[in-house]
Amino acid sequence: MILIADSGSTKTTWMEVISGNKIVTEGLNPHFTTDERLLSVCDFVRQQFSNINSPDSIHFYGAGCGNNTQRNRVKKLLSAGFNTENVEVETDMLGACRAVSTGRESLVAILGTGSNACFFDGYKIKYQPTSTGYILGDKGSANHVGRLLLDEYLTHVMPLKTRQLFHKTFRMSDAQMINAVYHKPTPNRFLASLAPFAAENQDDQYCHGTLWGALLDFYADTLLPVIWKMHRRECTINLVGGFAKAIEPTIKQFFSEEARGFEVTSIVADPIDGLKKYHLNTP
């Protein structure tokens, strides 16, 4: 039995490869998740997959697993939580690559709660910029868009009509929103939860402009360093993430107008089905 998991900061999708059965739990970014909480989720997953005792192997692709300290920590906890030694822990970026671009050279980007990009040669990541997280980085992500929306809502830069709709949608006071950012756990999830407002109102001039500006930042700060490093003037790009899928029309328009030479091949909300195919075909 092979168990795979794709974990972002908001949700984790688990799948038993042979049956294709899957469940969704909370995100397990190790920078925000305690040991006790991760072990509790392991116990929950074992209960939901009634036939799981000790999986033959676990392949966990997670946000926040880019450094050895966190990777080894997650590996140790998964090994204990599922009673197996055969555990692979990799980044969510490699998971995205394996899901959408195995055997094909391309840029691969994640636009979910957070964001990042890399150059994938079809088998390995050849270059990936350092992720600076939800405070300094995550350009173009749901967290970034939520941050832009909230700042301009609170400072009354957002147009009045859009501001009224924003307030009607979330029904929170200014103080509650500030508290959620600065005093509640997982502020990145809170900020990302605001971004669907822009995705659902892409026809609104202000929302469209906010998304466009976030994509410009993503292109300039995240994609261009990869393009320059790999000396590519033209390349295909595959995007993974629920937020990318939600703003697909704007992304396609952006790349056709602002980033000519980079063809969008696919935009996939959830890489888990691609990862299932990868692990069925990879010894």
C-alpha atoms as a PDB file:
ATOM      1  CA  MET A   1       0.000   0.000   0.000  1.00  0.00           C
ATOM      2  CA  ILE A   2       1.348   3.421  -1.029  1.00  0.00           C
ATOM      3  CA  LEU A   3       0.121   6.561   0.723  1.00  0.00           C
ATOM      4  CA  ILE A   4       0.794   9.975  -0.834  1.00  0.00           C
ATOM      5  CA  ALA A   5       0.064  13.426   0.549  1.00  0.00           C
ATOM      6  CA  ASP A   6       0.179  16.908  -0.911  1.00  0.00           C
ATOM      7  CA  SER A   7       0.296  19.446   1.889  1.00  0.00           C
ATOM      8  CA  GLY A   8      -0.002  23.196   1.660  1.00  0.00           C
ATOM      9  CA  SER A   9      -0.508  25.718   4.427  1.00  0.00           C
ATOM     10  CA  THR A  10      -4.297  25.454   4.207  1.00  0.00           C
ATOM     11  CA  LYS A  11      -5.070  21.813   3.405  1.00  0.00           C
ATOM     12  CA  THR A  12      -3.476  18.400   2.953  1.00  0.00           C
ATOM     13  CA  THR A  13      -4.830  15.889   0.456  1.00  0.00           C
ATOM     14  CA  TRP A  14      -4.068  12.234   1.255  1.00  0.00           C
ATOM     15  CA  MET A  15      -4.508   9.423  -1.255  1.00  0.00           C
ATOM     16  CA  GLU A  16      -4.052   5.676  -1.165  1.00  0.00           C
ATOM     17  CA  VAL A  17      -2.532   5.132  -4.594  1.00  0.00           C
ATOM     18  CA  ILE A  18      -3.947   1.744  -5.587  1.00  0.00           C
ATOM     19  CA  SER A  19      -7.573   2.411  -4.660  1.00  0.00           C
ATOM     20  CA  GLY A  20      -7.498   6.136  -5.414  1.00  0.00           C
ATOM     21  CA  ASN A  21      -9.386   6.835  -2.173  1.00  0.00           C
ATOM     22  CA  LYS A  22      -8.571  10.241  -0.754  1.00  0.00           C
ATOM     23  CA  ILE A  23      -9.377  12.510   2.168  1.00  0.00           C
ATOM     24  CA  VAL A  24      -8.560  16.117   3.033  1.00  0.00           C
ATOM     25  CA  THR A  25      -7.209  17.366   6.346  1.00  0.00           C
ATOM     26  CA  GLU A  26      -5.811  20.677   7.519  1.00  0.00           C
ATOM     27  CA  GLY A  27      -2.552  21.994   6.117  1.00  0.00           C
ATOM     28  CA  LEU A  28       0.575  20.650   7.820  1.00  0.00           C
ATOM     29  CA  ASN A  29       3.214  23.271   7.139  1.00  0.00           C
ATOM     30  CA  PRO A  30       5.808  22.354   9.808  1.00  0.00           C
ATOM     31  CA  HIS A  31       6.535  26.022  10.486  1.00  0.00           C
ATOM     32  CA  PHE A  32       3.017  26.341  11.934  1.00  0.00           C
ATOM     33  CA  THR A  33       2.176  22.768  13.026  1.00  0.00           C
ATOM     34  CA  THR A  34       3.201  21.257  16.359  1.00  0.00           C
ATOM     35  CA  ASP A  35       4.463  17.690  16.681  1.00  0.00           C
ATOM     36  CA  GLU A  36       1.345  16.776  18.641  1.00  0.00           C
ATOM     37  CA  ARG A  37      -0.969  18.166  15.973  1.00  0.00           C
ATOM     38  CA  LEU A  38       0.805  16.349  13.140  1.00  0.00           C
ATOM     39  CA  LEU A  39       0.652  13.055  15.022  1.00  0.00           C
ATOM     40  CA  SER A  40      -3.047  13.662  15.696  1.00  0.00           C
ATOM     41  CA  VAL A  41      -3.668  14.103  11.968  1.00  0.00           C
ATOM     42  CA  CYS A  42      -1.760  10.867  11.261  1.00  0.00           C
ATOM     43  CA  ASP A  43      -4.074   9.064  13.680  1.00  0.00           C
ATOM     44  CA  PHE A  44      -7.122  10.583  11.990  1.00  0.00           C
ATOM     45  CA  VAL A  45      -5.911   9.528   8.536  1.00  0.00           C
ATOM     46  CA  ARG A  46      -5.326   5.961   9.732  1.00  0.00           C
ATOM     47  CA  GLN A  47      -8.880   5.855  11.054  1.00  0.00           C
ATOM     48  CA  GLN A  48     -10.340   7.186   7.789  1.00  0.00           C
ATOM     49  CA  PHE A  49      -8.386   4.693   5.680  1.00  0.00           C
ATOM     50  CA  SER A  50      -9.632   1.671   7.571  1.00  0.00           C
ATOM     51  CA  ASN A  51      -7.302  -0.699   5.708  1.00  0.00           C
ATOM     52  CA  ILE A  52      -4.162   1.249   6.608  1.00  0.00           C
ATOM     53  CA  ASN A  53      -2.043  -0.211   9.388  1.00  0.00           C
ATOM     54  CA  SER A  54       1.546   0.217   8.290  1.00  0.00           C
ATOM     55  CA  PRO A  55       1.760   1.504   4.693  1.00  0.00           C
ATOM     56  CA  ASP A  56       4.489   0.024   2.499  1.00  0.00           C
ATOM     57  CA  SER A  57       5.593   3.594   1.771  1.00  0.00           C
ATOM     58  CA  ILE A  58       4.573   7.191   2.391  1.00  0.00           C
ATOM     59  CA  HIS A  59       5.396  10.026   0.007  1.00  0.00           C
ATOM     60  CA  PHE A  60       4.729  13.412   1.613  1.00  0.00           C
ATOM     61  CA  TYR A  61       5.072  16.621  -0.414  1.00  0.00           C
ATOM     62  CA  GLY A  62       4.789  19.636   1.833  1.00  0.00           C
ATOM     63  CA  ALA A  63       5.023  23.394   2.023  1.00  0.00           C
ATOM     64  CA  GLY A  64       7.660  24.312   4.589  1.00  0.00           C
ATOM     65  CA  CYS A  65       9.694  21.146   3.967  1.00  0.00           C
ATOM     66  CA  GLY A  66      12.471  22.854   2.051  1.00  0.00           C
ATOM     67  CA  ASN A  67      15.147  22.688   4.746  1.00  0.00           C
ATOM     68  CA  ASN A  68      16.675  19.566   6.234  1.00  0.00           C
ATOM     69  CA  THR A  69      15.618  20.337   9.797  1.00  0.00           C
ATOM     70  CA  GLN A  70      11.913  20.489   8.994  1.00  0.00           C
ATOM     71  CA  ARG A  71      12.129  17.688   6.425  1.00  0.00           C
ATOM     72  CA  ASN A  72      13.725  15.332   8.934  1.00  0.00           C
ATOM     73  CA  ARG A  73      11.269  16.363  11.636  1.00  0.00           C
ATOM     74  CA  VAL A  74       8.264  15.614   9.431  1.00  0.00           C
ATOM     75  CA  LYS A  75       9.809  12.332   8.293  1.00  0.00           C
ATOM     76  CA  LYS A  76      10.332  11.216  11.891  1.00  0.00           C
ATOM     77  CA  LEU A  77       6.764  12.137  12.872  1.00  0.00           C
ATOM     78  CA  LEU A  78       5.207  10.407   9.865  1.00  0.00           C
ATOM     79  CA  SER A  79       7.275   7.306  10.530  1.00  0.00           C
ATOM     80  CA  ALA A  80       6.011   7.218  14.110  1.00  0.00           C
ATOM     81  CA  GLY A  81       2.446   8.158  13.180  1.00  0.00           C
ATOM     82  CA  PHE A  82       2.078   5.436  10.538  1.00  0.00           C
ATOM     83  CA  ASN A  83       4.473   2.835  11.971  1.00  0.00           C
ATOM     84  CA  THR A  84       6.647   2.590   8.875  1.00  0.00           C
ATOM     85  CA  GLU A  85      10.269   3.392   8.075  1.00  0.00           C
ATOM     86  CA  ASN A  86       9.742   3.882   4.335  1.00  0.00           C
ATOM     87  CA  VAL A  87       8.935   7.598   4.319  1.00  0.00           C
ATOM     88  CA  GLU A  88       9.874  10.160   1.661  1.00  0.00           C
ATOM     89  CA  VAL A  89       9.421  13.841   2.528  1.00  0.00           C
ATOM     90  CA  GLU A  90       9.883  16.359  -0.277  1.00  0.00           C
ATOM     91  CA  THR A  91       8.777  19.909  -1.010  1.00  0.00           C
ATOM     92  CA  ASP A  92       5.382  20.764  -2.408  1.00  0.00           C
ATOM     93  CA  MET A  93       7.308  22.228  -5.349  1.00  0.00           C
ATOM     94  CA  LEU A  94       8.734  18.834  -6.325  1.00  0.00           C
ATOM     95  CA  GLY A  95       5.265  17.360  -5.880  1.00  0.00           C
ATOM     96  CA  ALA A  96       3.859  19.930  -8.290  1.00  0.00           C
ATOM     97  CA  CYS A  97       6.614  19.157 -10.798  1.00  0.00           C
ATOM     98  CA  ARG A  98       6.054  15.409 -10.649  1.00  0.00           C
ATOM     99  CA  ALA A  99       2.316  15.937 -11.015  1.00  0.00           C
ATOM    100  CA  VAL A 100       2.315  18.150 -14.106  1.00  0.00           C
ATOM    101  CA  SER A 101       5.646  17.935 -15.900  1.00  0.00           C
ATOM    102  CA  THR A 102       7.319  14.534 -15.528  1.00  0.00           C
ATOM    103  CA  GLY A 103       9.511  13.894 -18.575  1.00  0.00           C
ATOM    104  CA  ARG A 104       9.015  17.442 -19.897  1.00  0.00           C
ATOM    105  CA  GLU A 105      11.135  20.541 -19.391  1.00  0.00           C
ATOM    106  CA  SER A 106       9.156  23.526 -18.106  1.00  0.00           C
ATOM    107  CA  LEU A 107       8.723  26.248 -15.568  1.00  0.00           C
ATOM    108  CA  VAL A 108       6.483  25.013 -12.764  1.00  0.00           C
ATOM    109  CA  ALA A 109       4.808  27.407 -10.361  1.00  0.00           C
ATOM    110  CA  ILE A 110       2.611  27.065  -7.310  1.00  0.00           C
ATOM    111  CA  LEU A 111      -0.077  29.670  -6.679  1.00  0.00           C
ATOM    112  CA  GLY A 112      -2.019  28.553  -3.637  1.00  0.00           C
ATOM    113  CA  THR A 113      -2.026  29.940  -0.121  1.00  0.00           C
ATOM    114  CA  GLY A 114       1.651  30.611  -0.836  1.00  0.00           C
ATOM    115  CA  SER A 115       3.684  30.686  -4.030  1.00  0.00           C
ATOM    116  CA  ASN A 116       6.974  29.679  -5.576  1.00  0.00           C
ATOM    117  CA  ALA A 117       8.408  28.615  -8.930  1.00  0.00           C
ATOM    118  CA  CYS A 118      11.238  26.547 -10.338  1.00  0.00           C
ATOM    119  CA  PHE A 119      12.785  25.224 -13.527  1.00  0.00           C
ATOM    120  CA  PHE A 120      12.166  21.496 -13.901  1.00  0.00           C
ATOM    121  CA  ASP A 121      14.106  19.475 -16.464  1.00  0.00           C
ATOM    122  CA  GLY A 122      11.483  16.719 -16.516  1.00  0.00           C
ATOM    123  CA  TYR A 123      13.112  14.721 -13.730  1.00  0.00           C
ATOM    124  CA  LYS A 124      14.779  17.108 -11.303  1.00  0.00           C
ATOM    125  CA  ILE A 125      14.432  20.691 -10.149  1.00  0.00           C
ATOM    126  CA  LYS A 126      17.386  22.489 -11.691  1.00  0.00           C
ATOM    127  CA  TYR A 127      16.820  25.851 -10.010  1.00  0.00           C
ATOM    128  CA  GLN A 128      14.402  27.182  -7.419  1.00  0.00           C
ATOM    129  CA  PRO A 129      14.691  30.553  -5.659  1.00  0.00           C
ATOM    130  CA  THR A 130      14.652  30.596  -1.877  1.00  0.00           C
ATOM    131  CA  SER A 131      11.121  30.981  -0.546  1.00  0.00           C
ATOM    132  CA  THR A 132      10.890  33.898   1.887  1.00  0.00           C
ATOM    133  CA  GLY A 133       7.443  32.978   3.172  1.00  0.00           C
ATOM    134  CA  TYR A 134       4.166  34.740   3.697  1.00  0.00           C
ATOM    135  CA  ILE A 135       5.595  37.979   5.148  1.00  0.00           C
ATOM    136  CA  LEU A 136       8.412  38.696   2.690  1.00  0.00           C
ATOM    137  CA  GLY A 137       7.446  36.590  -0.313  1.00  0.00           C
ATOM    138  CA  ASP A 138       4.542  34.516  -1.669  1.00  0.00           C
ATOM    139  CA  LYS A 139       4.002  36.988  -4.511  1.00  0.00           C
ATOM    140  CA  GLY A 140       0.887  36.270  -6.583  1.00  0.00           C
ATOM    141  CA  SER A 141      -0.486  33.869  -3.982  1.00  0.00           C
ATOM    142  CA  ALA A 142      -3.826  33.938  -2.207  1.00  0.00           C
ATOM    143  CA  ASN A 143      -2.000  35.234   0.866  1.00  0.00           C
ATOM    144  CA  HIS A 144      -0.489  38.089  -1.179  1.00  0.00           C
ATOM    145  CA  VAL A 145      -3.808  39.038  -2.784  1.00  0.00           C
ATOM    146  CA  GLY A 146      -5.566  38.867   0.587  1.00  0.00           C
ATOM    147  CA  ARG A 147      -2.900  41.132   2.066  1.00  0.00           C
ATOM    148  CA  LEU A 148      -3.408  43.680  -0.733  1.00  0.00           C
ATOM    149  CA  LEU A 149      -7.186  43.594  -0.351  1.00  0.00           C
ATOM    150  CA  LEU A 150      -7.127  43.971   3.416  1.00  0.00           C
ATOM    151  CA  ASP A 151      -4.627  46.827   3.397  1.00  0.00           C
ATOM    152  CA  GLU A 152      -6.636  48.820   0.874  1.00  0.00           C
ATOM    153  CA  TYR A 153      -9.921  47.995   2.617  1.00  0.00           C
ATOM    154  CA  LEU A 154      -8.659  49.201   5.990  1.00  0.00           C
ATOM    155  CA  THR A 155      -7.046  52.332   4.552  1.00  0.00           C
ATOM    156  CA  HIS A 156     -10.122  53.159   2.408  1.00  0.00           C
ATOM    157  CA  VAL A 157      -8.133  52.990  -0.827  1.00  0.00           C
ATOM    158  CA  MET A 158     -10.536  50.317  -2.083  1.00  0.00           C
ATOM    159  CA  PRO A 159     -13.396  51.922  -4.075  1.00  0.00           C
ATOM    160  CA  LEU A 160     -16.514  52.482  -1.960  1.00  0.00           C
ATOM    161  CA  LYS A 161     -18.772  50.088  -3.895  1.00  0.00           C
ATOM    162  CA  THR A 162     -16.179  47.297  -3.717  1.00  0.00           C
ATOM    163  CA  ARG A 163     -15.482  48.110  -0.072  1.00  0.00           C
ATOM    164  CA  GLN A 164     -19.153  47.738   0.804  1.00  0.00           C
ATOM    165  CA  LEU A 165     -19.290  44.367  -0.934  1.00  0.00           C
ATOM    166  CA  PHE A 166     -16.096  43.284   0.862  1.00  0.00           C
ATOM    167  CA  HIS A 167     -17.609  44.174   4.240  1.00  0.00           C
ATOM    168  CA  LYS A 168     -20.864  42.418   3.377  1.00  0.00           C
ATOM    169  CA  THR A 169     -18.913  39.301   2.376  1.00  0.00           C
ATOM    170  CA  PHE A 170     -16.779  38.954   5.515  1.00  0.00           C
ATOM    171  CA  ARG A 171     -18.835  40.711   8.219  1.00  0.00           C
ATOM    172  CA  MET A 172     -15.806  41.527  10.372  1.00  0.00           C
ATOM    173  CA  SER A 173     -14.912  44.751  12.111  1.00  0.00           C
ATOM    174  CA  ASP A 174     -11.617  46.459  11.362  1.00  0.00           C
ATOM    175  CA  ALA A 175     -10.386  45.477  14.825  1.00  0.00           C
ATOM    176  CA  GLN A 176     -11.292  41.817  14.245  1.00  0.00           C
ATOM    177  CA  MET A 177      -9.351  41.788  10.982  1.00  0.00           C
ATOM    178  CA  ILE A 178      -6.284  43.380  12.564  1.00  0.00           C
ATOM    179  CA  ASN A 179      -6.506  40.884  15.410  1.00  0.00           C
ATOM    180  CA  ALA A 180      -6.681  37.959  12.972  1.00  0.00           C
ATOM    181  CA  VAL A 181      -3.465  39.123  11.303  1.00  0.00           C
ATOM    182  CA  TYR A 182      -1.394  40.053  14.349  1.00  0.00           C
ATOM    183  CA  HIS A 183      -2.712  37.991  17.249  1.00  0.00           C
ATOM    184  CA  LYS A 184      -4.341  34.822  15.926  1.00  0.00           C
ATOM    185  CA  PRO A 185      -2.457  31.683  14.771  1.00  0.00           C
ATOM    186  CA  THR A 186      -1.862  31.048  11.044  1.00  0.00           C
ATOM    187  CA  PRO A 187      -2.351  34.620   9.754  1.00  0.00           C
ATOM    188  CA  ASN A 188      -1.328  33.398   6.307  1.00  0.00           C
ATOM    189  CA  ARG A 189      -4.474  31.258   6.174  1.00  0.00           C
ATOM    190  CA  PHE A 190      -6.632  34.184   7.249  1.00  0.00           C
ATOM    191  CA  LEU A 191      -5.160  36.452   4.591  1.00  0.00           C
ATOM    192  CA  ALA A 192      -5.557  33.717   1.963  1.00  0.00           C
ATOM    193  CA  SER A 193      -9.208  33.316   2.953  1.00  0.00           C
ATOM    194  CA  LEU A 194      -9.836  36.875   1.727  1.00  0.00           C
ATOM    195  CA  ALA A 195      -8.455  36.235  -1.774  1.00  0.00           C
ATOM    196  CA  PRO A 196     -11.514  34.364  -3.154  1.00  0.00           C
ATOM    197  CA  PHE A 197     -13.267  37.744  -3.009  1.00  0.00           C
ATOM    198  CA  ALA A 198     -11.033  38.948  -5.852  1.00  0.00           C
ATOM    199  CA  ALA A 199     -11.291  35.624  -7.699  1.00  0.00           C
ATOM    200  CA  GLU A 200     -15.086  35.662  -7.540  1.00  0.00           C
ATOM    201  CA  ASN A 201     -15.245  39.273  -8.740  1.00  0.00           C
ATOM    202  CA  GLN A 202     -12.686  39.228 -11.549  1.00  0.00           C
ATOM    203  CA  ASP A 203     -15.025  41.327 -13.693  1.00  0.00           C
ATOM    204  CA  ASP A 204     -14.832  44.123 -11.136  1.00  0.00           C
ATOM    205  CA  GLN A 205     -12.214  46.632 -12.326  1.00  0.00           C
ATOM    206  CA  TYR A 206     -10.631  46.996  -8.901  1.00  0.00           C
ATOM    207  CA  CYS A 207     -10.449  43.236  -8.237  1.00  0.00           C
ATOM    208  CA  HIS A 208      -9.057  42.578 -11.706  1.00  0.00           C
ATOM    209  CA  GLY A 209      -6.427  45.257 -11.147  1.00  0.00           C
ATOM    210  CA  THR A 210      -5.461  43.768  -7.786  1.00  0.00           C
ATOM    211  CA  LEU A 211      -5.009  40.323  -9.320  1.00  0.00           C
ATOM    212  CA  TRP A 212      -3.045  41.791 -12.237  1.00  0.00           C
ATOM    213  CA  GLY A 213      -0.744  43.686  -9.891  1.00  0.00           C
ATOM    214  CA  ALA A 214      -0.119  40.558  -7.822  1.00  0.00           C
ATOM    215  CA  LEU A 215       0.737  38.609 -10.980  1.00  0.00           C
ATOM    216  CA  LEU A 216       3.120  41.366 -12.081  1.00  0.00           C
ATOM    217  CA  ASP A 217       4.900  41.057  -8.720  1.00  0.00           C
ATOM    218  CA  PHE A 218       4.961  37.263  -9.068  1.00  0.00           C
ATOM    219  CA  TYR A 219       6.420  37.512 -12.565  1.00  0.00           C
ATOM    220  CA  ALA A 220       9.043  40.108 -11.621  1.00  0.00           C
ATOM    221  CA  ASP A 221      10.119  38.721  -8.247  1.00  0.00           C
ATOM    222  CA  THR A 222       9.619  34.966  -8.634  1.00  0.00           C
ATOM    223  CA  LEU A 223       9.571  33.909 -12.293  1.00  0.00           C
ATOM    224  CA  LEU A 224      12.163  36.260 -13.776  1.00  0.00           C
ATOM    225  CA  PRO A 225      14.984  35.121 -11.451  1.00  0.00           C
ATOM    226  CA  VAL A 226      14.366  31.542 -12.636  1.00  0.00           C
ATOM    227  CA  ILE A 227      14.218  32.617 -16.281  1.00  0.00           C
ATOM    228  CA  TRP A 228      17.472  34.614 -15.994  1.00  0.00           C
ATOM    229  CA  LYS A 229      19.267  31.867 -14.083  1.00  0.00           C
ATOM    230  CA  MET A 230      18.342  29.236 -16.668  1.00  0.00           C
ATOM    231  CA  HIS A 231      18.957  31.572 -19.652  1.00  0.00           C
ATOM    232  CA  ARG A 232      15.508  30.941 -21.113  1.00  0.00           C
ATOM    233  CA  ARG A 233      13.793  33.435 -23.396  1.00  0.00           C
ATOM    234  CA  GLU A 234      10.910  31.092 -24.140  1.00  0.00           C
ATOM    235  CA  CYS A 235       9.460  28.270 -22.100  1.00  0.00           C
ATOM    236  CA  THR A 236       6.216  26.539 -21.235  1.00  0.00           C
ATOM    237  CA  ILE A 237       4.808  27.045 -17.758  1.00  0.00           C
ATOM    238  CA  ASN A 238       2.597  24.761 -15.684  1.00  0.00           C
ATOM    239  CA  LEU A 239       0.790  26.166 -12.657  1.00  0.00           C
ATOM    240  CA  VAL A 240      -0.543  24.257  -9.667  1.00  0.00           C
ATOM    241  CA  GLY A 241      -2.843  25.437  -6.888  1.00  0.00           C
ATOM    242  CA  GLY A 242      -6.444  26.123  -6.041  1.00  0.00           C
ATOM    243  CA  PHE A 243      -5.919  29.871  -6.296  1.00  0.00           C
ATOM    244  CA  ALA A 244      -4.270  29.543  -9.718  1.00  0.00           C
ATOM    245  CA  LYS A 245      -7.285  27.578 -10.936  1.00  0.00           C
ATOM    246  CA  ALA A 246      -9.685  30.126  -9.450  1.00  0.00           C
ATOM    247  CA  ILE A 247      -8.082  32.992 -11.390  1.00  0.00           C
ATOM    248  CA  GLU A 248      -7.301  30.984 -14.536  1.00  0.00           C
ATOM    249  CA  PRO A 249      -8.851  33.503 -16.989  1.00  0.00           C
ATOM    250  CA  THR A 250      -6.771  36.348 -15.538  1.00  0.00           C
ATOM    251  CA  ILE A 251      -3.590  34.239 -15.558  1.00  0.00           C
ATOM    252  CA  LYS A 252      -4.038  33.305 -19.213  1.00  0.00           C
ATOM    253  CA  GLN A 253      -4.742  36.912 -20.156  1.00  0.00           C
ATOM    254  CA  PHE A 254      -1.705  38.065 -18.167  1.00  0.00           C
ATOM    255  CA  PHE A 255       0.702  35.684 -19.865  1.00  0.00           C
ATOM    256  CA  SER A 256      -0.668  36.467 -23.315  1.00  0.00           C
ATOM    257  CA  GLU A 257      -0.188  40.221 -22.763  1.00  0.00           C
ATOM    258  CA  GLU A 258       2.621  40.706 -20.218  1.00  0.00           C
ATOM    259  CA  ALA A 259       4.777  37.599 -20.564  1.00  0.00           C
ATOM    260  CA  ARG A 260       4.884  36.731 -24.242  1.00  0.00           C
ATOM    261  CA  GLY A 261       7.170  33.804 -24.959  1.00  0.00           C
ATOM    262  CA  PHE A 262       5.908  31.831 -21.981  1.00  0.00           C
ATOM    263  CA  GLU A 263       3.029  29.569 -22.948  1.00  0.00           C
ATOM    264  CA  VAL A 264       0.705  28.374 -20.188  1.00  0.00           C
ATOM    265  CA  THR A 265       0.424  24.613 -20.747  1.00  0.00           C
ATOM    266  CA  SER A 266      -1.751  23.664 -17.802  1.00  0.00           C
ATOM    267  CA  ILE A 267      -3.333  25.038 -14.637  1.00  0.00           C
ATOM    268  CA  VAL A 268      -4.178  22.312 -12.135  1.00  0.00           C
ATOM    269  CA  ALA A 269      -5.982  22.926  -8.860  1.00  0.00           C
ATOM    270  CA  ASP A 270      -4.817  19.795  -7.065  1.00  0.00           C
ATOM    271  CA  PRO A 271      -1.676  17.816  -7.979  1.00  0.00           C
ATOM    272  CA  ILE A 272      -2.783  14.647  -6.190  1.00  0.00           C
ATOM    273  CA  ASP A 273      -4.081  12.852  -9.297  1.00  0.00           C
ATOM    274  CA  GLY A 274      -0.859  13.605 -11.158  1.00  0.00           C
ATOM    275  CA  LEU A 275       1.124  12.331  -8.188  1.00  0.00           C
ATOM    276  CA  LYS A 276      -0.934   9.146  -8.180  1.00  0.00           C
ATOM    277  CA  LYS A 277       0.004   8.571 -11.818  1.00  0.00           C
ATOM    278  CA  TYR A 278       3.655   9.314 -11.061  1.00  0.00           C
ATOM    279  CA  HIS A 279       3.870   6.845  -8.187  1.00  0.00           C
ATOM    280  CA  LEU A 280       1.994   4.125 -10.062  1.00  0.00           C
ATOM    281  CA  ASN A 281       4.581   4.373 -12.841  1.00  0.00           C
ATOM    282  CA  THR A 282       7.696   4.929 -10.722  1.00  0.00           C
ATOM    283  CA  PRO A 283       9.294   2.026  -8.834  1.00  0.00           C
END
